[in-house]
Structures are given as C-alpha cells and as structure tokens.
mmCIF file of all heavy atoms, coordinates in Angstrom:
data_MODEL
# 
_entry.id   MODEL 
# 
loop_
_atom_site.group_PDB 
_atom_site.id 
_atom_site.type_symbol 
_atom_site.label_atom_id 
_atom_site.label_alt_id 
_atom_site.label_comp_id 
_atom_site.label_asym_id 
_atom_site.label_entity_id 
_atom_site.label_seq_id 
_atom_site.pdbx_PDB_ins_code 
_atom_site.Cartn_x 
_atom_site.Cartn_y 
_atom_site.Cartn_z 
_atom_site.occupancy 
_atom_site.B_iso_or_equiv 
_atom_site.pdbx_formal_charge 
_atom_site.auth_seq_id 
_atom_site.auth_comp_id 
_atom_site.auth_asym_id 
_atom_site.auth_atom_id 
_atom_site.pdbx_PDB_model_num 
ATOM 1   N N   . ALA A 1 1  ? 70.674  116.627 102.779 1.00 0.00 ? 1  ALA A N   1 
ATOM 2   C CA  . ALA A 1 1  ? 69.738  115.549 102.488 1.00 0.00 ? 1  ALA A CA  1 
ATOM 3   C C   . ALA A 1 1  ? 69.670  114.616 103.697 1.00 0.00 ? 1  ALA A C   1 
ATOM 4   O O   . ALA A 1 1  ? 70.605  114.548 104.510 1.00 0.00 ? 1  ALA A O   1 
ATOM 5   C CB  . ALA A 1 1  ? 70.175  114.778 101.248 1.00 0.00 ? 1  ALA A CB  1 
ATOM 6   N N   . THR A 1 2  ? 68.588  113.893 103.806 1.00 0.00 ? 2  THR A N   1 
ATOM 7   C CA  . THR A 1 2  ? 68.400  113.031 104.981 1.00 0.00 ? 2  THR A CA  1 
ATOM 8   C C   . THR A 1 2  ? 69.544  112.033 105.131 1.00 0.00 ? 2  THR A C   1 
ATOM 9   O O   . THR A 1 2  ? 70.053  111.808 106.238 1.00 0.00 ? 2  THR A O   1 
ATOM 10  C CB  . THR A 1 2  ? 67.056  112.290 104.865 1.00 0.00 ? 2  THR A CB  1 
ATOM 11  O OG1 . THR A 1 2  ? 66.002  113.259 104.754 1.00 0.00 ? 2  THR A OG1 1 
ATOM 12  C CG2 . THR A 1 2  ? 66.814  111.431 106.097 1.00 0.00 ? 2  THR A CG2 1 
ATOM 13  N N   . TRP A 1 3  ? 69.975  111.448 104.017 1.00 0.00 ? 3  TRP A N   1 
ATOM 14  C CA  . TRP A 1 3  ? 71.032  110.439 104.114 1.00 0.00 ? 3  TRP A CA  1 
ATOM 15  C C   . TRP A 1 3  ? 72.363  111.051 104.519 1.00 0.00 ? 3  TRP A C   1 
ATOM 16  O O   . TRP A 1 3  ? 73.226  110.363 105.079 1.00 0.00 ? 3  TRP A O   1 
ATOM 17  C CB  . TRP A 1 3  ? 71.165  109.683 102.801 1.00 0.00 ? 3  TRP A CB  1 
ATOM 18  C CG  . TRP A 1 3  ? 71.742  110.507 101.672 1.00 0.00 ? 3  TRP A CG  1 
ATOM 19  C CD1 . TRP A 1 3  ? 71.050  111.246 100.775 1.00 0.00 ? 3  TRP A CD1 1 
ATOM 20  C CD2 . TRP A 1 3  ? 73.131  110.657 101.338 1.00 0.00 ? 3  TRP A CD2 1 
ATOM 21  N NE1 . TRP A 1 3  ? 71.910  111.868 99.896  1.00 0.00 ? 3  TRP A NE1 1 
ATOM 22  C CE2 . TRP A 1 3  ? 73.196  111.512 100.219 1.00 0.00 ? 3  TRP A CE2 1 
ATOM 23  C CE3 . TRP A 1 3  ? 74.316  110.156 101.878 1.00 0.00 ? 3  TRP A CE3 1 
ATOM 24  C CZ2 . TRP A 1 3  ? 74.398  111.877 99.629  1.00 0.00 ? 3  TRP A CZ2 1 
ATOM 25  C CZ3 . TRP A 1 3  ? 75.519  110.515 101.289 1.00 0.00 ? 3  TRP A CZ3 1 
ATOM 26  C CH2 . TRP A 1 3  ? 75.553  111.360 100.175 1.00 0.00 ? 3  TRP A CH2 1 
ATOM 27  N N   . GLN A 1 4  ? 72.569  112.364 104.243 1.00 0.00 ? 4  GLN A N   1 
ATOM 28  C CA  . GLN A 1 4  ? 73.825  113.007 104.614 1.00 0.00 ? 4  GLN A CA  1 
ATOM 29  C C   . GLN A 1 4  ? 73.922  113.293 106.108 1.00 0.00 ? 4  GLN A C   1 
ATOM 30  O O   . GLN A 1 4  ? 74.994  113.647 106.600 1.00 0.00 ? 4  GLN A O   1 
ATOM 31  C CB  . GLN A 1 4  ? 73.975  114.318 103.830 1.00 0.00 ? 4  GLN A CB  1 
ATOM 32  C CG  . GLN A 1 4  ? 74.233  114.099 102.340 1.00 0.00 ? 4  GLN A CG  1 
ATOM 33  C CD  . GLN A 1 4  ? 74.218  115.400 101.559 1.00 0.00 ? 4  GLN A CD  1 
ATOM 34  O OE1 . GLN A 1 4  ? 73.363  116.257 101.776 1.00 0.00 ? 4  GLN A OE1 1 
ATOM 35  N NE2 . GLN A 1 4  ? 75.155  115.548 100.646 1.00 0.00 ? 4  GLN A NE2 1 
ATOM 36  N N   . LEU A 1 5  ? 72.817  113.110 106.817 1.00 0.00 ? 5  LEU A N   1 
ATOM 37  C CA  . LEU A 1 5  ? 72.828  113.341 108.259 1.00 0.00 ? 5  LEU A CA  1 
ATOM 38  C C   . LEU A 1 5  ? 73.451  112.185 109.038 1.00 0.00 ? 5  LEU A C   1 
ATOM 39  O O   . LEU A 1 5  ? 73.512  112.238 110.268 1.00 0.00 ? 5  LEU A O   1 
ATOM 40  C CB  . LEU A 1 5  ? 71.401  113.584 108.760 1.00 0.00 ? 5  LEU A CB  1 
ATOM 41  C CG  . LEU A 1 5  ? 70.680  114.815 108.192 1.00 0.00 ? 5  LEU A CG  1 
ATOM 42  C CD1 . LEU A 1 5  ? 69.252  114.872 108.704 1.00 0.00 ? 5  LEU A CD1 1 
ATOM 43  C CD2 . LEU A 1 5  ? 71.424  116.097 108.545 1.00 0.00 ? 5  LEU A CD2 1 
ATOM 44  N N   . TRP A 1 6  ? 73.906  111.148 108.326 1.00 0.00 ? 6  TRP A N   1 
ATOM 45  C CA  . TRP A 1 6  ? 74.479  109.988 109.025 1.00 0.00 ? 6  TRP A CA  1 
ATOM 46  C C   . TRP A 1 6  ? 75.679  110.398 109.886 1.00 0.00 ? 6  TRP A C   1 
ATOM 47  O O   . TRP A 1 6  ? 75.943  109.789 110.923 1.00 0.00 ? 6  TRP A O   1 
ATOM 48  C CB  . TRP A 1 6  ? 74.900  108.914 108.025 1.00 0.00 ? 6  TRP A CB  1 
ATOM 49  C CG  . TRP A 1 6  ? 76.118  109.266 107.215 1.00 0.00 ? 6  TRP A CG  1 
ATOM 50  C CD1 . TRP A 1 6  ? 76.151  109.881 106.008 1.00 0.00 ? 6  TRP A CD1 1 
ATOM 51  C CD2 . TRP A 1 6  ? 77.496  109.030 107.573 1.00 0.00 ? 6  TRP A CD2 1 
ATOM 52  N NE1 . TRP A 1 6  ? 77.447  110.057 105.574 1.00 0.00 ? 6  TRP A NE1 1 
ATOM 53  C CE2 . TRP A 1 6  ? 78.289  109.537 106.521 1.00 0.00 ? 6  TRP A CE2 1 
ATOM 54  C CE3 . TRP A 1 6  ? 78.119  108.447 108.675 1.00 0.00 ? 6  TRP A CE3 1 
ATOM 55  C CZ2 . TRP A 1 6  ? 79.675  109.474 106.544 1.00 0.00 ? 6  TRP A CZ2 1 
ATOM 56  C CZ3 . TRP A 1 6  ? 79.513  108.388 108.700 1.00 0.00 ? 6  TRP A CZ3 1 
ATOM 57  C CH2 . TRP A 1 6  ? 80.269  108.890 107.641 1.00 0.00 ? 6  TRP A CH2 1 
ATOM 58  N N   . TRP A 1 7  ? 76.392  111.451 109.457 1.00 0.00 ? 7  TRP A N   1 
ATOM 59  C CA  . TRP A 1 7  ? 77.562  111.878 110.217 1.00 0.00 ? 7  TRP A CA  1 
ATOM 60  C C   . TRP A 1 7  ? 77.170  112.361 111.612 1.00 0.00 ? 7  TRP A C   1 
ATOM 61  O O   . TRP A 1 7  ? 77.925  112.202 112.568 1.00 0.00 ? 7  TRP A O   1 
ATOM 62  C CB  . TRP A 1 7  ? 78.298  112.985 109.462 1.00 0.00 ? 7  TRP A CB  1 
ATOM 63  C CG  . TRP A 1 7  ? 79.507  113.491 110.180 1.00 0.00 ? 7  TRP A CG  1 
ATOM 64  C CD1 . TRP A 1 7  ? 79.633  114.652 110.862 1.00 0.00 ? 7  TRP A CD1 1 
ATOM 65  C CD2 . TRP A 1 7  ? 80.779  112.824 110.310 1.00 0.00 ? 7  TRP A CD2 1 
ATOM 66  N NE1 . TRP A 1 7  ? 80.893  114.772 111.405 1.00 0.00 ? 7  TRP A NE1 1 
ATOM 67  C CE2 . TRP A 1 7  ? 81.616  113.675 111.067 1.00 0.00 ? 7  TRP A CE2 1 
ATOM 68  C CE3 . TRP A 1 7  ? 81.291  111.625 109.845 1.00 0.00 ? 7  TRP A CE3 1 
ATOM 69  C CZ2 . TRP A 1 7  ? 82.928  113.336 111.373 1.00 0.00 ? 7  TRP A CZ2 1 
ATOM 70  C CZ3 . TRP A 1 7  ? 82.604  111.298 110.158 1.00 0.00 ? 7  TRP A CZ3 1 
ATOM 71  C CH2 . TRP A 1 7  ? 83.407  112.138 110.914 1.00 0.00 ? 7  TRP A CH2 1 
ATOM 72  N N   . ALA A 1 8  ? 75.972  112.960 111.743 1.00 0.00 ? 8  ALA A N   1 
ATOM 73  C CA  . ALA A 1 8  ? 75.508  113.410 113.051 1.00 0.00 ? 8  ALA A CA  1 
ATOM 74  C C   . ALA A 1 8  ? 75.323  112.239 114.008 1.00 0.00 ? 8  ALA A C   1 
ATOM 75  O O   . ALA A 1 8  ? 75.491  112.387 115.225 1.00 0.00 ? 8  ALA A O   1 
ATOM 76  C CB  . ALA A 1 8  ? 74.197  114.186 112.909 1.00 0.00 ? 8  ALA A CB  1 
ATOM 77  N N   . LEU A 1 9  ? 74.975  111.068 113.471 1.00 0.00 ? 9  LEU A N   1 
ATOM 78  C CA  . LEU A 1 9  ? 74.830  109.880 114.309 1.00 0.00 ? 9  LEU A CA  1 
ATOM 79  C C   . LEU A 1 9  ? 76.184  109.239 114.623 1.00 0.00 ? 9  LEU A C   1 
ATOM 80  O O   . LEU A 1 9  ? 76.377  108.665 115.693 1.00 0.00 ? 9  LEU A O   1 
ATOM 81  C CB  . LEU A 1 9  ? 73.922  108.869 113.603 1.00 0.00 ? 9  LEU A CB  1 
ATOM 82  C CG  . LEU A 1 9  ? 72.526  109.385 113.214 1.00 0.00 ? 9  LEU A CG  1 
ATOM 83  C CD1 . LEU A 1 9  ? 71.754  108.294 112.473 1.00 0.00 ? 9  LEU A CD1 1 
ATOM 84  C CD2 . LEU A 1 9  ? 71.763  109.858 114.436 1.00 0.00 ? 9  LEU A CD2 1 
ATOM 85  N N   . ALA A 1 10 ? 77.108  109.338 113.678 1.00 0.00 ? 10 ALA A N   1 
ATOM 86  C CA  . ALA A 1 10 ? 78.423  108.722 113.879 1.00 0.00 ? 10 ALA A CA  1 
ATOM 87  C C   . ALA A 1 10 ? 79.320  109.554 114.792 1.00 0.00 ? 10 ALA A C   1 
ATOM 88  O O   . ALA A 1 10 ? 80.162  109.007 115.510 1.00 0.00 ? 10 ALA A O   1 
ATOM 89  C CB  . ALA A 1 10 ? 79.111  108.519 112.526 1.00 0.00 ? 10 ALA A CB  1 
ATOM 90  N N   . LEU A 1 11 ? 79.155  110.887 114.764 1.00 0.00 ? 11 LEU A N   1 
ATOM 91  C CA  . LEU A 1 11 ? 80.072  111.760 115.503 1.00 0.00 ? 11 LEU A CA  1 
ATOM 92  C C   . LEU A 1 11 ? 80.098  111.478 117.004 1.00 0.00 ? 11 LEU A C   1 
ATOM 93  O O   . LEU A 1 11 ? 81.194  111.385 117.583 1.00 0.00 ? 11 LEU A O   1 
ATOM 94  C CB  . LEU A 1 11 ? 79.733  113.227 115.233 1.00 0.00 ? 11 LEU A CB  1 
ATOM 95  C CG  . LEU A 1 11 ? 80.640  114.252 115.906 1.00 0.00 ? 11 LEU A CG  1 
ATOM 96  C CD1 . LEU A 1 11 ? 82.088  114.072 115.475 1.00 0.00 ? 11 LEU A CD1 1 
ATOM 97  C CD2 . LEU A 1 11 ? 80.172  115.677 115.593 1.00 0.00 ? 11 LEU A CD2 1 
ATOM 98  N N   . PRO A 1 12 ? 78.966  111.342 117.694 1.00 0.00 ? 12 PRO A N   1 
ATOM 99  C CA  . PRO A 1 12 ? 79.055  111.042 119.136 1.00 0.00 ? 12 PRO A CA  1 
ATOM 100 C C   . PRO A 1 12 ? 79.816  109.754 119.430 1.00 0.00 ? 12 PRO A C   1 
ATOM 101 O O   . PRO A 1 12 ? 80.583  109.689 120.404 1.00 0.00 ? 12 PRO A O   1 
ATOM 102 C CB  . PRO A 1 12 ? 77.586  110.934 119.559 1.00 0.00 ? 12 PRO A CB  1 
ATOM 103 C CG  . PRO A 1 12 ? 76.834  111.724 118.546 1.00 0.00 ? 12 PRO A CG  1 
ATOM 104 C CD  . PRO A 1 12 ? 77.565  111.527 117.269 1.00 0.00 ? 12 PRO A CD  1 
ATOM 105 N N   . LEU A 1 13 ? 79.616  108.736 118.601 1.00 0.00 ? 13 LEU A N   1 
ATOM 106 C CA  . LEU A 1 13 ? 80.350  107.486 118.792 1.00 0.00 ? 13 LEU A CA  1 
ATOM 107 C C   . LEU A 1 13 ? 81.841  107.687 118.575 1.00 0.00 ? 13 LEU A C   1 
ATOM 108 O O   . LEU A 1 13 ? 82.673  107.187 119.350 1.00 0.00 ? 13 LEU A O   1 
ATOM 109 C CB  . LEU A 1 13 ? 79.803  106.417 117.845 1.00 0.00 ? 13 LEU A CB  1 
ATOM 110 C CG  . LEU A 1 13 ? 80.464  105.046 117.920 1.00 0.00 ? 13 LEU A CG  1 
ATOM 111 C CD1 . LEU A 1 13 ? 80.272  104.439 119.310 1.00 0.00 ? 13 LEU A CD1 1 
ATOM 112 C CD2 . LEU A 1 13 ? 79.886  104.111 116.855 1.00 0.00 ? 13 LEU A CD2 1 
ATOM 113 N N   . LEU A 1 14 ? 82.200  108.447 117.536 1.00 0.00 ? 14 LEU A N   1 
ATOM 114 C CA  . LEU A 1 14 ? 83.613  108.722 117.279 1.00 0.00 ? 14 LEU A CA  1 
ATOM 115 C C   . LEU A 1 14 ? 84.235  109.494 118.435 1.00 0.00 ? 14 LEU A C   1 
ATOM 116 O O   . LEU A 1 14 ? 85.372  109.214 118.841 1.00 0.00 ? 14 LEU A O   1 
ATOM 117 C CB  . LEU A 1 14 ? 83.757  109.515 115.980 1.00 0.00 ? 14 LEU A CB  1 
ATOM 118 C CG  . LEU A 1 14 ? 83.455  108.772 114.683 1.00 0.00 ? 14 LEU A CG  1 
ATOM 119 C CD1 . LEU A 1 14 ? 83.552  109.718 113.497 1.00 0.00 ? 14 LEU A CD1 1 
ATOM 120 C CD2 . LEU A 1 14 ? 84.416  107.603 114.493 1.00 0.00 ? 14 LEU A CD2 1 
ATOM 121 N N   . LEU A 1 15 ? 83.512  110.466 118.961 1.00 0.00 ? 15 LEU A N   1 
ATOM 122 C CA  . LEU A 1 15 ? 84.032  111.241 120.095 1.00 0.00 ? 15 LEU A CA  1 
ATOM 123 C C   . LEU A 1 15 ? 84.257  110.350 121.311 1.00 0.00 ? 15 LEU A C   1 
ATOM 124 O O   . LEU A 1 15 ? 85.299  110.455 121.983 1.00 0.00 ? 15 LEU A O   1 
ATOM 125 C CB  . LEU A 1 15 ? 83.050  112.366 120.441 1.00 0.00 ? 15 LEU A CB  1 
ATOM 126 C CG  . LEU A 1 15 ? 82.956  113.526 119.452 1.00 0.00 ? 15 LEU A CG  1 
ATOM 127 C CD1 . LEU A 1 15 ? 81.766  114.420 119.794 1.00 0.00 ? 15 LEU A CD1 1 
ATOM 128 C CD2 . LEU A 1 15 ? 84.243  114.341 119.454 1.00 0.00 ? 15 LEU A CD2 1 
ATOM 129 N N   . ALA A 1 16 ? 83.307  109.454 121.589 1.00 0.00 ? 16 ALA A N   1 
ATOM 130 C CA  . ALA A 1 16 ? 83.429  108.586 122.756 1.00 0.00 ? 16 ALA A CA  1 
ATOM 131 C C   . ALA A 1 16 ? 84.600  107.614 122.602 1.00 0.00 ? 16 ALA A C   1 
ATOM 132 O O   . ALA A 1 16 ? 85.398  107.425 123.536 1.00 0.00 ? 16 ALA A O   1 
ATOM 133 C CB  . ALA A 1 16 ? 82.123  107.823 122.970 1.00 0.00 ? 16 ALA A CB  1 
ATOM 134 N N   . VAL A 1 17 ? 84.719  106.986 121.429 1.00 0.00 ? 17 VAL A N   1 
ATOM 135 C CA  . VAL A 1 17 ? 85.798  106.017 121.204 1.00 0.00 ? 17 VAL A CA  1 
ATOM 136 C C   . VAL A 1 17 ? 87.150  106.715 121.224 1.00 0.00 ? 17 VAL A C   1 
ATOM 137 O O   . VAL A 1 17 ? 88.121  106.217 121.823 1.00 0.00 ? 17 VAL A O   1 
ATOM 138 C CB  . VAL A 1 17 ? 85.576  105.278 119.876 1.00 0.00 ? 17 VAL A CB  1 
ATOM 139 C CG1 . VAL A 1 17 ? 86.783  104.410 119.533 1.00 0.00 ? 17 VAL A CG1 1 
ATOM 140 C CG2 . VAL A 1 17 ? 84.311  104.433 119.949 1.00 0.00 ? 17 VAL A CG2 1 
ATOM 141 N N   . ALA A 1 18 ? 87.239  107.885 120.567 1.00 0.00 ? 18 ALA A N   1 
ATOM 142 C CA  . ALA A 1 18 ? 88.511  108.607 120.534 1.00 0.00 ? 18 ALA A CA  1 
ATOM 143 C C   . ALA A 1 18 ? 88.926  109.049 121.935 1.00 0.00 ? 18 ALA A C   1 
ATOM 144 O O   . ALA A 1 18 ? 90.108  108.960 122.303 1.00 0.00 ? 18 ALA A O   1 
ATOM 145 C CB  . ALA A 1 18 ? 88.394  109.813 119.612 1.00 0.00 ? 18 ALA A CB  1 
ATOM 146 N N   . ALA A 1 19 ? 87.962  109.507 122.732 1.00 0.00 ? 19 ALA A N   1 
ATOM 147 C CA  . ALA A 1 19 ? 88.287  109.925 124.096 1.00 0.00 ? 19 ALA A CA  1 
ATOM 148 C C   . ALA A 1 19 ? 88.729  108.737 124.939 1.00 0.00 ? 19 ALA A C   1 
ATOM 149 O O   . ALA A 1 19 ? 89.708  108.827 125.703 1.00 0.00 ? 19 ALA A O   1 
ATOM 150 C CB  . ALA A 1 19 ? 87.069  110.604 124.727 1.00 0.00 ? 19 ALA A CB  1 
ATOM 151 N N   . ALA A 1 20 ? 88.043  107.608 124.811 1.00 0.00 ? 20 ALA A N   1 
ATOM 152 C CA  . ALA A 1 20 ? 88.379  106.434 125.621 1.00 0.00 ? 20 ALA A CA  1 
ATOM 153 C C   . ALA A 1 20 ? 89.756  105.894 125.265 1.00 0.00 ? 20 ALA A C   1 
ATOM 154 O O   . ALA A 1 20 ? 90.558  105.575 126.158 1.00 0.00 ? 20 ALA A O   1 
ATOM 155 C CB  . ALA A 1 20 ? 87.316  105.354 125.420 1.00 0.00 ? 20 ALA A CB  1 
ATOM 156 N N   . THR A 1 21 ? 90.052  105.773 123.986 1.00 0.00 ? 21 THR A N   1 
ATOM 157 C CA  . THR A 1 21 ? 91.361  105.238 123.580 1.00 0.00 ? 21 THR A CA  1 
ATOM 158 C C   . THR A 1 21 ? 92.490  106.189 123.956 1.00 0.00 ? 21 THR A C   1 
ATOM 159 O O   . THR A 1 21 ? 93.574  105.754 124.366 1.00 0.00 ? 21 THR A O   1 
ATOM 160 C CB  . THR A 1 21 ? 91.373  104.961 122.071 1.00 0.00 ? 21 THR A CB  1 
ATOM 161 O OG1 . THR A 1 21 ? 91.004  106.156 121.359 1.00 0.00 ? 21 THR A OG1 1 
ATOM 162 C CG2 . THR A 1 21 ? 90.406  103.852 121.711 1.00 0.00 ? 21 THR A CG2 1 
ATOM 163 N N   . ALA A 1 22 ? 92.259  107.497 123.803 1.00 0.00 ? 22 ALA A N   1 
ATOM 164 C CA  . ALA A 1 22 ? 93.299  108.456 124.176 1.00 0.00 ? 22 ALA A CA  1 
ATOM 165 C C   . ALA A 1 22 ? 93.537  108.442 125.685 1.00 0.00 ? 22 ALA A C   1 
ATOM 166 O O   . ALA A 1 22 ? 94.686  108.477 126.147 1.00 0.00 ? 22 ALA A O   1 
ATOM 167 C CB  . ALA A 1 22 ? 92.909  109.853 123.708 1.00 0.00 ? 22 ALA A CB  1 
ATOM 168 N N   . TRP A 1 23 ? 92.466  108.382 126.456 1.00 0.00 ? 23 TRP A N   1 
ATOM 169 C CA  . TRP A 1 23 ? 92.610  108.340 127.910 1.00 0.00 ? 23 TRP A CA  1 
ATOM 170 C C   . TRP A 1 23 ? 93.358  107.085 128.343 1.00 0.00 ? 23 TRP A C   1 
ATOM 171 O O   . TRP A 1 23 ? 94.234  107.143 129.231 1.00 0.00 ? 23 TRP A O   1 
ATOM 172 C CB  . TRP A 1 23 ? 91.238  108.397 128.562 1.00 0.00 ? 23 TRP A CB  1 
ATOM 173 C CG  . TRP A 1 23 ? 91.272  108.176 130.051 1.00 0.00 ? 23 TRP A CG  1 
ATOM 174 C CD1 . TRP A 1 23 ? 90.906  107.050 130.725 1.00 0.00 ? 23 TRP A CD1 1 
ATOM 175 C CD2 . TRP A 1 23 ? 91.728  109.100 131.040 1.00 0.00 ? 23 TRP A CD2 1 
ATOM 176 N NE1 . TRP A 1 23 ? 91.088  107.202 132.067 1.00 0.00 ? 23 TRP A NE1 1 
ATOM 177 C CE2 . TRP A 1 23 ? 91.599  108.462 132.303 1.00 0.00 ? 23 TRP A CE2 1 
ATOM 178 C CE3 . TRP A 1 23 ? 92.231  110.389 130.996 1.00 0.00 ? 23 TRP A CE3 1 
ATOM 179 C CZ2 . TRP A 1 23 ? 91.952  109.092 133.484 1.00 0.00 ? 23 TRP A CZ2 1 
ATOM 180 C CZ3 . TRP A 1 23 ? 92.587  111.017 132.182 1.00 0.00 ? 23 TRP A CZ3 1 
ATOM 181 C CH2 . TRP A 1 23 ? 92.439  110.365 133.406 1.00 0.00 ? 23 TRP A CH2 1 
ATOM 182 N N   . ARG A 1 24 ? 93.024  105.971 127.728 1.00 0.00 ? 24 ARG A N   1 
ATOM 183 C CA  . ARG A 1 24 ? 93.711  104.726 128.067 1.00 0.00 ? 24 ARG A CA  1 
ATOM 184 C C   . ARG A 1 24 ? 95.195  104.825 127.754 1.00 0.00 ? 24 ARG A C   1 
ATOM 185 O O   . ARG A 1 24 ? 96.033  104.346 128.535 1.00 0.00 ? 24 ARG A O   1 
ATOM 186 C CB  . ARG A 1 24 ? 93.077  103.574 127.298 1.00 0.00 ? 24 ARG A CB  1 
ATOM 187 C CG  . ARG A 1 24 ? 93.668  102.215 127.620 1.00 0.00 ? 24 ARG A CG  1 
ATOM 188 C CD  . ARG A 1 24 ? 92.975  101.131 126.823 1.00 0.00 ? 24 ARG A CD  1 
ATOM 189 N NE  . ARG A 1 24 ? 93.560  99.820  127.075 1.00 0.00 ? 24 ARG A NE  1 
ATOM 190 C CZ  . ARG A 1 24 ? 93.200  98.699  126.462 1.00 0.00 ? 24 ARG A CZ  1 
ATOM 191 N NH1 . ARG A 1 24 ? 92.237  98.747  125.544 1.00 0.00 ? 24 ARG A NH1 1 
ATOM 192 N NH2 . ARG A 1 24 ? 93.778  97.552  126.750 1.00 0.00 ? 24 ARG A NH2 1 
ATOM 193 N N   . ALA A 1 25 ? 95.529  105.468 126.639 1.00 0.00 ? 25 ALA A N   1 
ATOM 194 C CA  . ALA A 1 25 ? 96.945  105.600 126.271 1.00 0.00 ? 25 ALA A CA  1 
ATOM 195 C C   . ALA A 1 25 ? 97.688  106.518 127.239 1.00 0.00 ? 25 ALA A C   1 
ATOM 196 O O   . ALA A 1 25 ? 98.877  106.309 127.507 1.00 0.00 ? 25 ALA A O   1 
ATOM 197 C CB  . ALA A 1 25 ? 97.068  106.129 124.850 1.00 0.00 ? 25 ALA A CB  1 
ATOM 198 N N   . THR A 1 26 ? 97.019  107.526 127.771 1.00 0.00 ? 26 THR A N   1 
ATOM 199 C CA  . THR A 1 26 ? 97.695  108.416 128.721 1.00 0.00 ? 26 THR A CA  1 
ATOM 200 C C   . THR A 1 26 ? 97.987  107.731 130.043 1.00 0.00 ? 26 THR A C   1 
ATOM 201 O O   . THR A 1 26 ? 98.881  108.154 130.781 1.00 0.00 ? 26 THR A O   1 
ATOM 202 C CB  . THR A 1 26 ? 96.837  109.672 128.996 1.00 0.00 ? 26 THR A CB  1 
ATOM 203 O OG1 . THR A 1 26 ? 95.593  109.275 129.579 1.00 0.00 ? 26 THR A OG1 1 
ATOM 204 C CG2 . THR A 1 26 ? 96.597  110.461 127.728 1.00 0.00 ? 26 THR A CG2 1 
ATOM 205 N N   . ARG A 1 27 ? 97.239  106.658 130.353 1.00 0.00 ? 27 ARG A N   1 
ATOM 206 C CA  . ARG A 1 27 ? 97.429  105.964 131.620 1.00 0.00 ? 27 ARG A CA  1 
ATOM 207 C C   . ARG A 1 27 ? 98.519  104.907 131.560 1.00 0.00 ? 27 ARG A C   1 
ATOM 208 O O   . ARG A 1 27 ? 98.888  104.343 132.590 1.00 0.00 ? 27 ARG A O   1 
ATOM 209 C CB  . ARG A 1 27 ? 96.117  105.292 132.079 1.00 0.00 ? 27 ARG A CB  1 
ATOM 210 C CG  . ARG A 1 27 ? 94.914  106.217 132.110 1.00 0.00 ? 27 ARG A CG  1 
ATOM 211 C CD  . ARG A 1 27 ? 95.201  107.482 132.891 1.00 0.00 ? 27 ARG A CD  1 
ATOM 212 N NE  . ARG A 1 27 ? 95.484  107.202 134.291 1.00 0.00 ? 27 ARG A NE  1 
ATOM 213 C CZ  . ARG A 1 27 ? 95.919  108.085 135.154 1.00 0.00 ? 27 ARG A CZ  1 
ATOM 214 N NH1 . ARG A 1 27 ? 96.177  109.319 134.749 1.00 0.00 ? 27 ARG A NH1 1 
ATOM 215 N NH2 . ARG A 1 27 ? 96.136  107.742 136.410 1.00 0.00 ? 27 ARG A NH2 1 
ATOM 216 N N   . ARG A 1 28 ? 99.021  104.632 130.377 1.00 0.00 ? 28 ARG A N   1 
ATOM 217 C CA  . ARG A 1 28 ? 100.088 103.644 130.271 1.00 0.00 ? 28 ARG A CA  1 
ATOM 218 C C   . ARG A 1 28 ? 101.377 104.205 130.865 1.00 0.00 ? 28 ARG A C   1 
ATOM 219 O O   . ARG A 1 28 ? 101.691 105.376 130.685 1.00 0.00 ? 28 ARG A O   1 
ATOM 220 C CB  . ARG A 1 28 ? 100.329 103.266 128.811 1.00 0.00 ? 28 ARG A CB  1 
ATOM 221 C CG  . ARG A 1 28 ? 99.173  102.508 128.170 1.00 0.00 ? 28 ARG A CG  1 
ATOM 222 C CD  . ARG A 1 28 ? 99.416  102.326 126.697 1.00 0.00 ? 28 ARG A CD  1 
ATOM 223 N NE  . ARG A 1 28 ? 98.272  101.706 126.047 1.00 0.00 ? 28 ARG A NE  1 
ATOM 224 C CZ  . ARG A 1 28 ? 98.092  101.664 124.735 1.00 0.00 ? 28 ARG A CZ  1 
ATOM 225 N NH1 . ARG A 1 28 ? 98.992  102.227 123.935 1.00 0.00 ? 28 ARG A NH1 1 
ATOM 226 N NH2 . ARG A 1 28 ? 97.027  101.093 124.227 1.00 0.00 ? 28 ARG A NH2 1 
ATOM 227 N N   . PRO A 1 29 ? 102.156 103.374 131.540 1.00 0.00 ? 29 PRO A N   1 
ATOM 228 C CA  . PRO A 1 29 ? 103.421 103.874 132.098 1.00 0.00 ? 29 PRO A CA  1 
ATOM 229 C C   . PRO A 1 29 ? 104.389 104.227 130.988 1.00 0.00 ? 29 PRO A C   1 
ATOM 230 O O   . PRO A 1 29 ? 104.411 103.581 129.934 1.00 0.00 ? 29 PRO A O   1 
ATOM 231 C CB  . PRO A 1 29 ? 103.934 102.683 132.920 1.00 0.00 ? 29 PRO A CB  1 
ATOM 232 C CG  . PRO A 1 29 ? 103.261 101.489 132.326 1.00 0.00 ? 29 PRO A CG  1 
ATOM 233 C CD  . PRO A 1 29 ? 101.914 101.949 131.863 1.00 0.00 ? 29 PRO A CD  1 
ATOM 234 N N   . PRO A 1 30 ? 105.160 105.285 131.161 1.00 0.00 ? 30 PRO A N   1 
ATOM 235 C CA  . PRO A 1 30 ? 106.113 105.685 130.125 1.00 0.00 ? 30 PRO A CA  1 
ATOM 236 C C   . PRO A 1 30 ? 107.202 104.648 129.943 1.00 0.00 ? 30 PRO A C   1 
ATOM 237 O O   . PRO A 1 30 ? 107.486 103.839 130.831 1.00 0.00 ? 30 PRO A O   1 
ATOM 238 C CB  . PRO A 1 30 ? 106.683 107.005 130.653 1.00 0.00 ? 30 PRO A CB  1 
ATOM 239 C CG  . PRO A 1 30 ? 106.505 106.913 132.135 1.00 0.00 ? 30 PRO A CG  1 
ATOM 240 C CD  . PRO A 1 30 ? 105.239 106.127 132.355 1.00 0.00 ? 30 PRO A CD  1 
# 
C-alpha cells in the first residue's frame, strides 16, 4: 500500500546515520 512505502524513504536516512555514527566510533582512540 502507498502508506507502507514509508520505509523506502526512511531507509536511506537510516543507512547514512548508521554509517556516520559507526565511522565516528571507529575513529575514537582505544
């Protein structure tokens, strides 16, 4: 249904935020 397509709009944002936060965490000194 049209309203169920909201996940397609949210997924790119989730991918970008998850990648940015994970990358930032990898750069922290141990």
